[in-house]
Amino acid sequence: DEVILLPIYPAREEPIAGITSEALLAKISITCKKVMSPDEA
């Protein structure tokens, strides 16, 4: 019913261009959604 996305946890990896939590958020179909830092969440 509601999604809060945190930034991607990289573990052993380096960032990949265009692959972000914001990119995932844009594909989620529900309206109640947002990207936040852990403290903001």
All heavy atoms as atom14 arrays in JSON, in Angstrom:
{
  "sequence": "DEVILLPIYPAREEPIAGITSEALLAKISITCKKVMSPDEA",
  "atom14_mask": [
    [1, 1, 1, 1, 1, 1, 1, 1, 0, 0, 0, 0, 0, 0],
    [1, 1, 1, 1, 1, 1, 1, 1, 1, 0, 0, 0, 0, 0],
    [1, 1, 1, 1, 1, 1, 1, 0, 0, 0, 0, 0, 0, 0],
    [1, 1, 1, 1, 1, 1, 1, 1, 0, 0, 0, 0, 0, 0],
    [1, 1, 1, 1, 1, 1, 1, 1, 0, 0, 0, 0, 0, 0],
    [1, 1, 1, 1, 1, 1, 1, 1, 0, 0, 0, 0, 0, 0],
    [1, 1, 1, 1, 1, 1, 1, 0, 0, 0, 0, 0, 0, 0],
    [1, 1, 1, 1, 1, 1, 1, 1, 0, 0, 0, 0, 0, 0],
    [1, 1, 1, 1, 1, 1, 1, 1, 1, 1, 1, 1, 0, 0],
    [1, 1, 1, 1, 1, 1, 1, 0, 0, 0, 0, 0, 0, 0],
    [1, 1, 1, 1, 1, 0, 0, 0, 0, 0, 0, 0, 0, 0],
    [1, 1, 1, 1, 1, 1, 1, 1, 1, 1, 1, 0, 0, 0],
    [1, 1, 1, 1, 1, 1, 1, 1, 1, 0, 0, 0, 0, 0],
    [1, 1, 1, 1, 1, 1, 1, 1, 1, 0, 0, 0, 0, 0],
    [1, 1, 1, 1, 1, 1, 1, 0, 0, 0, 0, 0, 0, 0],
    [1, 1, 1, 1, 1, 1, 1, 1, 0, 0, 0, 0, 0, 0],
    [1, 1, 1, 1, 1, 0, 0, 0, 0, 0, 0, 0, 0, 0],
    [1, 1, 1, 1, 0, 0, 0, 0, 0, 0, 0, 0, 0, 0],
    [1, 1, 1, 1, 1, 1, 1, 1, 0, 0, 0, 0, 0, 0],
    [1, 1, 1, 1, 1, 1, 1, 0, 0, 0, 0, 0, 0, 0],
    [1, 1, 1, 1, 1, 1, 0, 0, 0, 0, 0, 0, 0, 0],
    [1, 1, 1, 1, 1, 1, 1, 1, 1, 0, 0, 0, 0, 0],
    [1, 1, 1, 1, 1, 0, 0, 0, 0, 0, 0, 0, 0, 0],
    [1, 1, 1, 1, 1, 1, 1, 1, 0, 0, 0, 0, 0, 0],
    [1, 1, 1, 1, 1, 1, 1, 1, 0, 0, 0, 0, 0, 0],
    [1, 1, 1, 1, 1, 0, 0, 0, 0, 0, 0, 0, 0, 0],
    [1, 1, 1, 1, 1, 1, 1, 1, 1, 0, 0, 0, 0, 0],
    [1, 1, 1, 1, 1, 1, 1, 1, 0, 0, 0, 0, 0, 0],
    [1, 1, 1, 1, 1, 1, 0, 0, 0, 0, 0, 0, 0, 0],
    [1, 1, 1, 1, 1, 1, 1, 1, 0, 0, 0, 0, 0, 0],
    [1, 1, 1, 1, 1, 1, 1, 0, 0, 0, 0, 0, 0, 0],
    [1, 1, 1, 1, 1, 1, 0, 0, 0, 0, 0, 0, 0, 0],
    [1, 1, 1, 1, 1, 1, 1, 1, 1, 0, 0, 0, 0, 0],
    [1, 1, 1, 1, 1, 1, 1, 1, 1, 0, 0, 0, 0, 0],
    [1, 1, 1, 1, 1, 1, 1, 0, 0, 0, 0, 0, 0, 0],
    [1, 1, 1, 1, 1, 1, 1, 1, 0, 0, 0, 0, 0, 0],
    [1, 1, 1, 1, 1, 1, 0, 0, 0, 0, 0, 0, 0, 0],
    [1, 1, 1, 1, 1, 1, 1, 0, 0, 0, 0, 0, 0, 0],
    [1, 1, 1, 1, 1, 1, 1, 1, 0, 0, 0, 0, 0, 0],
    [1, 1, 1, 1, 1, 1, 1, 1, 1, 0, 0, 0, 0, 0],
    [1, 1, 1, 1, 1, 0, 0, 0, 0, 0, 0, 0, 0, 0]
  ],
  "atom14_positions": [
    [[0.82, -1.21, 0.0], [0.0, 0.0, 0.0], [0.86, 1.26, 0.0], [0.44, 2.31, -0.5], [-0.93, 0.0, 1.22], [-1.89, -1.18, 1.21], [-2.67, -1.29, 0.26], [-1.83, -2.0, 2.14], [0.0, 0.0, 0.0], [0.0, 0.0, 0.0], [0.0, 0.0, 0.0], [0.0, 0.0, 0.0], [0.0, 0.0, 0.0], [0.0, 0.0, 0.0]],
    [[2.05, 1.14, 0.57], [2.99, 2.27, 0.59], [4.41, 1.71, 0.55], [4.7, 0.7, 1.19], [2.8, 3.1, 1.86], [3.75, 4.3, 1.95], [3.54, 5.13, 3.22], [2.89, 4.62, 4.17], [4.04, 6.26, 3.26], [0.0, 0.0, 0.0], [0.0, 0.0, 0.0], [0.0, 0.0, 0.0], [0.0, 0.0, 0.0], [0.0, 0.0, 0.0]],
    [[5.27, 2.38, -0.22], [6.66, 1.95, -0.36], [7.59, 3.1, -0.04], [7.42, 4.22, -0.55], [6.95, 1.45, -1.79], [8.44, 1.12, -1.94], [6.11, 0.24, -2.13], [0.0, 0.0, 0.0], [0.0, 0.0, 0.0], [0.0, 0.0, 0.0], [0.0, 0.0, 0.0], [0.0, 0.0, 0.0], [0.0, 0.0, 0.0], [0.0, 0.0, 0.0]],
    [[8.56, 2.83, 0.81], [9.66, 3.75, 1.05], [10.93, 3.04, 0.62], [11.26, 1.97, 1.14], [9.76, 4.16, 2.53], [8.46, 4.85, 2.99], [10.97, 5.06, 2.77], [8.38, 5.04, 4.49], [0.0, 0.0, 0.0], [0.0, 0.0, 0.0], [0.0, 0.0, 0.0], [0.0, 0.0, 0.0], [0.0, 0.0, 0.0], [0.0, 0.0, 0.0]],
    [[11.64, 3.6, -0.34], [12.89, 3.02, -0.81], [14.07, 3.74, -0.17], [14.12, 4.96, -0.14], [13.02, 3.13, -2.34], [12.01, 2.36, -3.19], [12.32, 2.58, -4.67], [12.01, 0.88, -2.85], [0.0, 0.0, 0.0], [0.0, 0.0, 0.0], [0.0, 0.0, 0.0], [0.0, 0.0, 0.0], [0.0, 0.0, 0.0], [0.0, 0.0, 0.0]],
    [[15.01, 2.97, 0.34], [16.29, 3.51, 0.78], [17.27, 3.43, -0.37], [17.06, 2.69, -1.33], [16.81, 2.71, 1.98], [15.89, 2.59, 3.2], [16.63, 1.88, 4.33], [15.35, 3.93, 3.65], [0.0, 0.0, 0.0], [0.0, 0.0, 0.0], [0.0, 0.0, 0.0], [0.0, 0.0, 0.0], [0.0, 0.0, 0.0], [0.0, 0.0, 0.0]],
    [[18.37, 4.17, -0.32], [19.39, 4.06, -1.37], [19.91, 2.62, -1.47], [19.9, 1.87, -0.49], [20.48, 5.02, -0.9], [19.76, 6.02, -0.04], [18.69, 5.24, 0.65], [0.0, 0.0, 0.0], [0.0, 0.0, 0.0], [0.0, 0.0, 0.0], [0.0, 0.0, 0.0], [0.0, 0.0, 0.0], [0.0, 0.0, 0.0], [0.0, 0.0, 0.0]],
    [[20.37, 2.25, -2.65], [20.87, 0.9, -2.9], [22.08, 0.62, -2.0], [22.99, 1.45, -1.9], [21.25, 0.71, -4.37], [20.01, 0.83, -5.25], [21.93, -0.65, -4.6], [20.3, 0.84, -6.74], [0.0, 0.0, 0.0], [0.0, 0.0, 0.0], [0.0, 0.0, 0.0], [0.0, 0.0, 0.0], [0.0, 0.0, 0.0], [0.0, 0.0, 0.0]],
    [[22.07, -0.55, -1.37], [23.22, -0.97, -0.56], [24.24, -1.62, -1.49], [23.97, -2.64, -2.12], [22.78, -1.97, 0.51], [23.89, -2.39, 1.44], [24.29, -1.56, 2.48], [24.53, -3.62, 1.29], [25.31, -1.92, 3.35], [25.55, -3.99, 2.15], [25.93, -3.15, 3.18], [26.94, -3.53, 4.03], [0.0, 0.0, 0.0], [0.0, 0.0, 0.0]],
    [[25.46, -1.06, -1.6], [26.38, -1.52, -2.64], [27.12, -2.8, -2.31], [27.54, -3.52, -3.21], [27.36, -0.35, -2.78], [27.36, 0.28, -1.43], [25.96, 0.13, -0.89], [0.0, 0.0, 0.0], [0.0, 0.0, 0.0], [0.0, 0.0, 0.0], [0.0, 0.0, 0.0], [0.0, 0.0, 0.0], [0.0, 0.0, 0.0], [0.0, 0.0, 0.0]],
    [[27.32, -3.08, -1.01], [28.15, -4.23, -0.59], [29.5, -4.16, -1.31], [30.23, -3.19, -1.16], [27.43, -5.55, -0.84], [0.0, 0.0, 0.0], [0.0, 0.0, 0.0], [0.0, 0.0, 0.0], [0.0, 0.0, 0.0], [0.0, 0.0, 0.0], [0.0, 0.0, 0.0], [0.0, 0.0, 0.0], [0.0, 0.0, 0.0], [0.0, 0.0, 0.0]],
    [[29.77, -5.15, -2.15], [31.09, -5.25, -2.8], [31.17, -4.49, -4.11], [32.2, -4.53, -4.78], [31.38, -6.74, -3.06], [30.32, -7.39, -3.94], [30.46, -8.9, -4.01], [29.43, -9.51, -4.84], [28.25, -9.89, -4.39], [27.94, -9.72, -3.12], [27.36, -10.46, -5.19], [0.0, 0.0, 0.0], [0.0, 0.0, 0.0], [0.0, 0.0, 0.0]],
    [[30.09, -3.8, -4.54], [30.0, -3.29, -5.9], [30.22, -1.78, -5.99], [30.0, -1.03, -5.03], [28.63, -3.62, -6.5], [28.4, -5.11, -6.67], [27.08, -5.41, -7.35], [26.18, -4.54, -7.36], [26.94, -6.51, -7.9], [0.0, 0.0, 0.0], [0.0, 0.0, 0.0], [0.0, 0.0, 0.0], [0.0, 0.0, 0.0], [0.0, 0.0, 0.0]],
    [[30.6, -1.36, -7.18], [30.65, 0.05, -7.55], [29.32, 0.43, -8.21], [28.63, -0.43, -8.78], [31.8, 0.32, -8.53], [33.18, 0.06, -7.94], [33.5, 0.98, -6.78], [33.07, 2.16, -6.81], [34.16, 0.52, -5.83], [0.0, 0.0, 0.0], [0.0, 0.0, 0.0], [0.0, 0.0, 0.0], [0.0, 0.0, 0.0], [0.0, 0.0, 0.0]],
    [[28.93, 1.72, -8.14], [27.67, 2.14, -8.76], [27.62, 1.85, -10.26], [28.65, 1.79, -10.93], [27.64, 3.65, -8.5], [28.52, 3.84, -7.29], [29.59, 2.82, -7.41], [0.0, 0.0, 0.0], [0.0, 0.0, 0.0], [0.0, 0.0, 0.0], [0.0, 0.0, 0.0], [0.0, 0.0, 0.0], [0.0, 0.0, 0.0], [0.0, 0.0, 0.0]],
    [[26.4, 1.65, -10.75], [26.15, 1.45, -12.18], [25.3, 2.63, -12.66], [24.26, 2.95, -12.05], [25.42, 0.13, -12.45], [26.28, -1.06, -12.01], [25.05, -0.01, -13.93], [25.58, -2.4, -12.1], [0.0, 0.0, 0.0], [0.0, 0.0, 0.0], [0.0, 0.0, 0.0], [0.0, 0.0, 0.0], [0.0, 0.0, 0.0], [0.0, 0.0, 0.0]],
    [[25.71, 3.28, -13.73], [25.0, 4.46, -14.24], [23.53, 4.13, -14.5], [23.21, 3.13, -15.15], [25.67, 4.95, -15.52], [0.0, 0.0, 0.0], [0.0, 0.0, 0.0], [0.0, 0.0, 0.0], [0.0, 0.0, 0.0], [0.0, 0.0, 0.0], [0.0, 0.0, 0.0], [0.0, 0.0, 0.0], [0.0, 0.0, 0.0], [0.0, 0.0, 0.0]],
    [[22.66, 4.97, -13.97], [21.23, 4.81, -14.21], [20.52, 3.83, -13.3], [19.3, 3.73, -13.33], [0.0, 0.0, 0.0], [0.0, 0.0, 0.0], [0.0, 0.0, 0.0], [0.0, 0.0, 0.0], [0.0, 0.0, 0.0], [0.0, 0.0, 0.0], [0.0, 0.0, 0.0], [0.0, 0.0, 0.0], [0.0, 0.0, 0.0], [0.0, 0.0, 0.0]],
    [[21.27, 3.1, -12.48], [20.65, 2.12, -11.57], [20.64, 2.73, -10.17], [21.66, 2.74, -9.46], [21.42, 0.79, -11.58], [21.49, 0.24, -13.01], [20.75, -0.21, -10.66], [20.14, 0.01, -13.67], [0.0, 0.0, 0.0], [0.0, 0.0, 0.0], [0.0, 0.0, 0.0], [0.0, 0.0, 0.0], [0.0, 0.0, 0.0], [0.0, 0.0, 0.0]],
    [[19.49, 3.25, -9.8], [19.32, 3.93, -8.52], [17.96, 3.56, -7.94], [17.1, 3.0, -8.63], [19.38, 5.46, -8.7], [18.28, 5.85, -9.56], [20.7, 5.9, -9.33], [0.0, 0.0, 0.0], [0.0, 0.0, 0.0], [0.0, 0.0, 0.0], [0.0, 0.0, 0.0], [0.0, 0.0, 0.0], [0.0, 0.0, 0.0], [0.0, 0.0, 0.0]],
    [[17.77, 3.91, -6.7], [16.45, 3.72, -6.09], [15.41, 4.6, -6.77], [14.23, 4.23, -6.86], [16.52, 4.01, -4.59], [17.25, 2.99, -3.94], [0.0, 0.0, 0.0], [0.0, 0.0, 0.0], [0.0, 0.0, 0.0], [0.0, 0.0, 0.0], [0.0, 0.0, 0.0], [0.0, 0.0, 0.0], [0.0, 0.0, 0.0], [0.0, 0.0, 0.0]],
    [[15.83, 5.76, -7.25], [14.9, 6.64, -7.98], [14.41, 5.98, -9.27], [13.24, 6.11, -9.64], [15.57, 7.97, -8.29], [15.75, 8.9, -7.09], [16.91, 8.49, -6.17], [17.68, 7.58, -6.53], [17.03, 9.09, -5.08], [0.0, 0.0, 0.0], [0.0, 0.0, 0.0], [0.0, 0.0, 0.0], [0.0, 0.0, 0.0], [0.0, 0.0, 0.0]],
    [[15.31, 5.26, -9.95], [14.92, 4.55, -11.18], [13.92, 3.44, -10.86], [12.96, 3.21, -11.62], [16.14, 3.97, -11.86], [0.0, 0.0, 0.0], [0.0, 0.0, 0.0], [0.0, 0.0, 0.0], [0.0, 0.0, 0.0], [0.0, 0.0, 0.0], [0.0, 0.0, 0.0], [0.0, 0.0, 0.0], [0.0, 0.0, 0.0], [0.0, 0.0, 0.0]],
    [[14.13, 2.74, -9.75], [13.18, 1.71, -9.32], [11.85, 2.34, -8.93], [10.78, 1.84, -9.31], [13.77, 0.93, -8.15], [12.86, -0.11, -7.49], [12.35, -1.14, -8.5], [13.6, -0.81, -6.34], [0.0, 0.0, 0.0], [0.0, 0.0, 0.0], [0.0, 0.0, 0.0], [0.0, 0.0, 0.0], [0.0, 0.0, 0.0], [0.0, 0.0, 0.0]],
    [[11.91, 3.45, -8.22], [10.68, 4.13, -7.79], [9.8, 4.5, -8.98], [8.57, 4.37, -8.92], [11.04, 5.4, -7.0], [9.87, 6.09, -6.31], [9.54, 5.36, -5.01], [10.19, 7.56, -6.02], [0.0, 0.0, 0.0], [0.0, 0.0, 0.0], [0.0, 0.0, 0.0], [0.0, 0.0, 0.0], [0.0, 0.0, 0.0], [0.0, 0.0, 0.0]],
    [[10.42, 4.96, -10.05], [9.66, 5.39, -11.22], [8.85, 4.26, -11.83], [7.82, 4.5, -12.48], [10.61, 5.97, -12.27], [0.0, 0.0, 0.0], [0.0, 0.0, 0.0], [0.0, 0.0, 0.0], [0.0, 0.0, 0.0], [0.0, 0.0, 0.0], [0.0, 0.0, 0.0], [0.0, 0.0, 0.0], [0.0, 0.0, 0.0], [0.0, 0.0, 0.0]],
    [[9.27, 3.01, -11.63], [8.58, 1.86, -12.2], [7.51, 1.28, -11.28], [6.72, 0.43, -11.68], [9.59, 0.77, -12.57], [10.43, 1.11, -13.81], [11.4, -0.01, -14.13], [12.06, 0.21, -15.48], [11.12, -0.06, -16.6], [0.0, 0.0, 0.0], [0.0, 0.0, 0.0], [0.0, 0.0, 0.0], [0.0, 0.0, 0.0], [0.0, 0.0, 0.0]],
    [[7.5, 1.7, -10.02], [6.49, 1.21, -9.07], [5.17, 1.89, -9.37], [5.1, 3.11, -9.51], [6.96, 1.46, -7.63], [8.2, 0.61, -7.34], [5.85, 1.15, -6.63], [8.85, 0.91, -6.0], [0.0, 0.0, 0.0], [0.0, 0.0, 0.0], [0.0, 0.0, 0.0], [0.0, 0.0, 0.0], [0.0, 0.0, 0.0], [0.0, 0.0, 0.0]],
    [[4.09, 1.11, -9.44], [2.83, 1.64, -9.97], [1.94, 2.31, -8.93], [1.04, 3.07, -9.29], [2.05, 0.51, -10.65], [1.71, -0.51, -9.73], [0.0, 0.0, 0.0], [0.0, 0.0, 0.0], [0.0, 0.0, 0.0], [0.0, 0.0, 0.0], [0.0, 0.0, 0.0], [0.0, 0.0, 0.0], [0.0, 0.0, 0.0], [0.0, 0.0, 0.0]],
    [[2.15, 2.05, -7.65], [1.28, 2.69, -6.66], [1.7, 4.16, -6.49], [2.83, 4.53, -6.79], [1.33, 1.94, -5.3], [2.75, 1.94, -4.73], [0.79, 0.53, -5.45], [2.83, 1.34, -3.33], [0.0, 0.0, 0.0], [0.0, 0.0, 0.0], [0.0, 0.0, 0.0], [0.0, 0.0, 0.0], [0.0, 0.0, 0.0], [0.0, 0.0, 0.0]],
    [[0.79, 4.95, -5.99], [1.04, 6.39, -5.89], [1.76, 6.77, -4.6], [2.48, 7.77, -4.55], [-0.27, 7.18, -5.98], [-1.17, 6.72, -4.95], [-0.92, 6.97, -7.34], [0.0, 0.0, 0.0], [0.0, 0.0, 0.0], [0.0, 0.0, 0.0], [0.0, 0.0, 0.0], [0.0, 0.0, 0.0], [0.0, 0.0, 0.0], [0.0, 0.0, 0.0]],
    [[1.57, 5.98, -3.55], [2.16, 6.31, -2.25], [3.55, 5.7, -2.18], [3.74, 4.57, -1.72], [1.27, 5.8, -1.12], [1.62, 6.6, 0.46], [0.0, 0.0, 0.0], [0.0, 0.0, 0.0], [0.0, 0.0, 0.0], [0.0, 0.0, 0.0], [0.0, 0.0, 0.0], [0.0, 0.0, 0.0], [0.0, 0.0, 0.0], [0.0, 0.0, 0.0]],
    [[4.54, 6.44, -2.67], [5.89, 5.92, -2.78], [6.88, 7.08, -2.67], [6.58, 8.2, -3.06], [6.09, 5.2, -4.12], [5.8, 6.1, -5.34], [5.98, 5.35, -6.66], [5.7, 6.29, -7.85], [5.93, 5.62, -9.14], [0.0, 0.0, 0.0], [0.0, 0.0, 0.0], [0.0, 0.0, 0.0], [0.0, 0.0, 0.0], [0.0, 0.0, 0.0]],
    [[8.07, 6.77, -2.16], [9.09, 7.82, -1.99], [10.45, 7.18, -1.75], [10.55, 6.02, -1.35], [8.72, 8.76, -0.84], [8.35, 8.03, 0.44], [7.74, 8.97, 1.47], [6.37, 9.45, 1.08], [5.33, 8.39, 1.08], [0.0, 0.0, 0.0], [0.0, 0.0, 0.0], [0.0, 0.0, 0.0], [0.0, 0.0, 0.0], [0.0, 0.0, 0.0]],
    [[11.5, 7.96, -2.03], [12.87, 7.56, -1.71], [13.35, 8.42, -0.55], [13.19, 9.65, -0.56], [13.82, 7.73, -2.91], [15.26, 7.43, -2.51], [13.4, 6.83, -4.06], [0.0, 0.0, 0.0], [0.0, 0.0, 0.0], [0.0, 0.0, 0.0], [0.0, 0.0, 0.0], [0.0, 0.0, 0.0], [0.0, 0.0, 0.0], [0.0, 0.0, 0.0]],
    [[13.94, 7.78, 0.46], [14.4, 8.51, 1.63], [15.71, 7.91, 2.13], [16.0, 6.73, 1.85], [13.37, 8.44, 2.76], [12.08, 9.17, 2.5], [10.98, 9.04, 3.93], [9.78, 10.32, 3.53], [0.0, 0.0, 0.0], [0.0, 0.0, 0.0], [0.0, 0.0, 0.0], [0.0, 0.0, 0.0], [0.0, 0.0, 0.0], [0.0, 0.0, 0.0]],
    [[16.47, 8.67, 2.87], [17.61, 8.12, 3.59], [17.07, 7.34, 4.79], [15.9, 7.51, 5.18], [18.52, 9.25, 4.09], [17.87, 9.96, 5.15], [0.0, 0.0, 0.0], [0.0, 0.0, 0.0], [0.0, 0.0, 0.0], [0.0, 0.0, 0.0], [0.0, 0.0, 0.0], [0.0, 0.0, 0.0], [0.0, 0.0, 0.0], [0.0, 0.0, 0.0]],
    [[17.88, 6.48, 5.41], [17.39, 5.75, 6.59], [16.88, 6.68, 7.69], [15.81, 6.42, 8.26], [18.63, 4.97, 7.03], [19.39, 4.74, 5.76], [19.21, 6.0, 4.97], [0.0, 0.0, 0.0], [0.0, 0.0, 0.0], [0.0, 0.0, 0.0], [0.0, 0.0, 0.0], [0.0, 0.0, 0.0], [0.0, 0.0, 0.0], [0.0, 0.0, 0.0]],
    [[17.62, 7.74, 7.99], [17.17, 8.66, 9.04], [15.87, 9.34, 8.67], [14.98, 9.52, 9.52], [18.25, 9.71, 9.31], [19.46, 9.12, 10.03], [19.33, 8.02, 10.61], [20.53, 9.77, 10.0], [0.0, 0.0, 0.0], [0.0, 0.0, 0.0], [0.0, 0.0, 0.0], [0.0, 0.0, 0.0], [0.0, 0.0, 0.0], [0.0, 0.0, 0.0]],
    [[15.73, 9.74, 7.41], [14.49, 10.38, 6.96], [13.32, 9.41, 7.06], [12.21, 9.8, 7.44], [14.64, 10.87, 5.53], [15.57, 12.07, 5.36], [15.87, 12.37, 3.91], [15.7, 11.47, 3.04], [16.31, 13.5, 3.62], [0.0, 0.0, 0.0], [0.0, 0.0, 0.0], [0.0, 0.0, 0.0], [0.0, 0.0, 0.0], [0.0, 0.0, 0.0]],
    [[13.56, 8.14, 6.73], [12.48, 7.15, 6.81], [12.01, 6.96, 8.24], [10.8, 6.88, 8.51], [12.96, 5.82, 6.23], [0.0, 0.0, 0.0], [0.0, 0.0, 0.0], [0.0, 0.0, 0.0], [0.0, 0.0, 0.0], [0.0, 0.0, 0.0], [0.0, 0.0, 0.0], [0.0, 0.0, 0.0], [0.0, 0.0, 0.0], [0.0, 0.0, 0.0]]
  ]
}
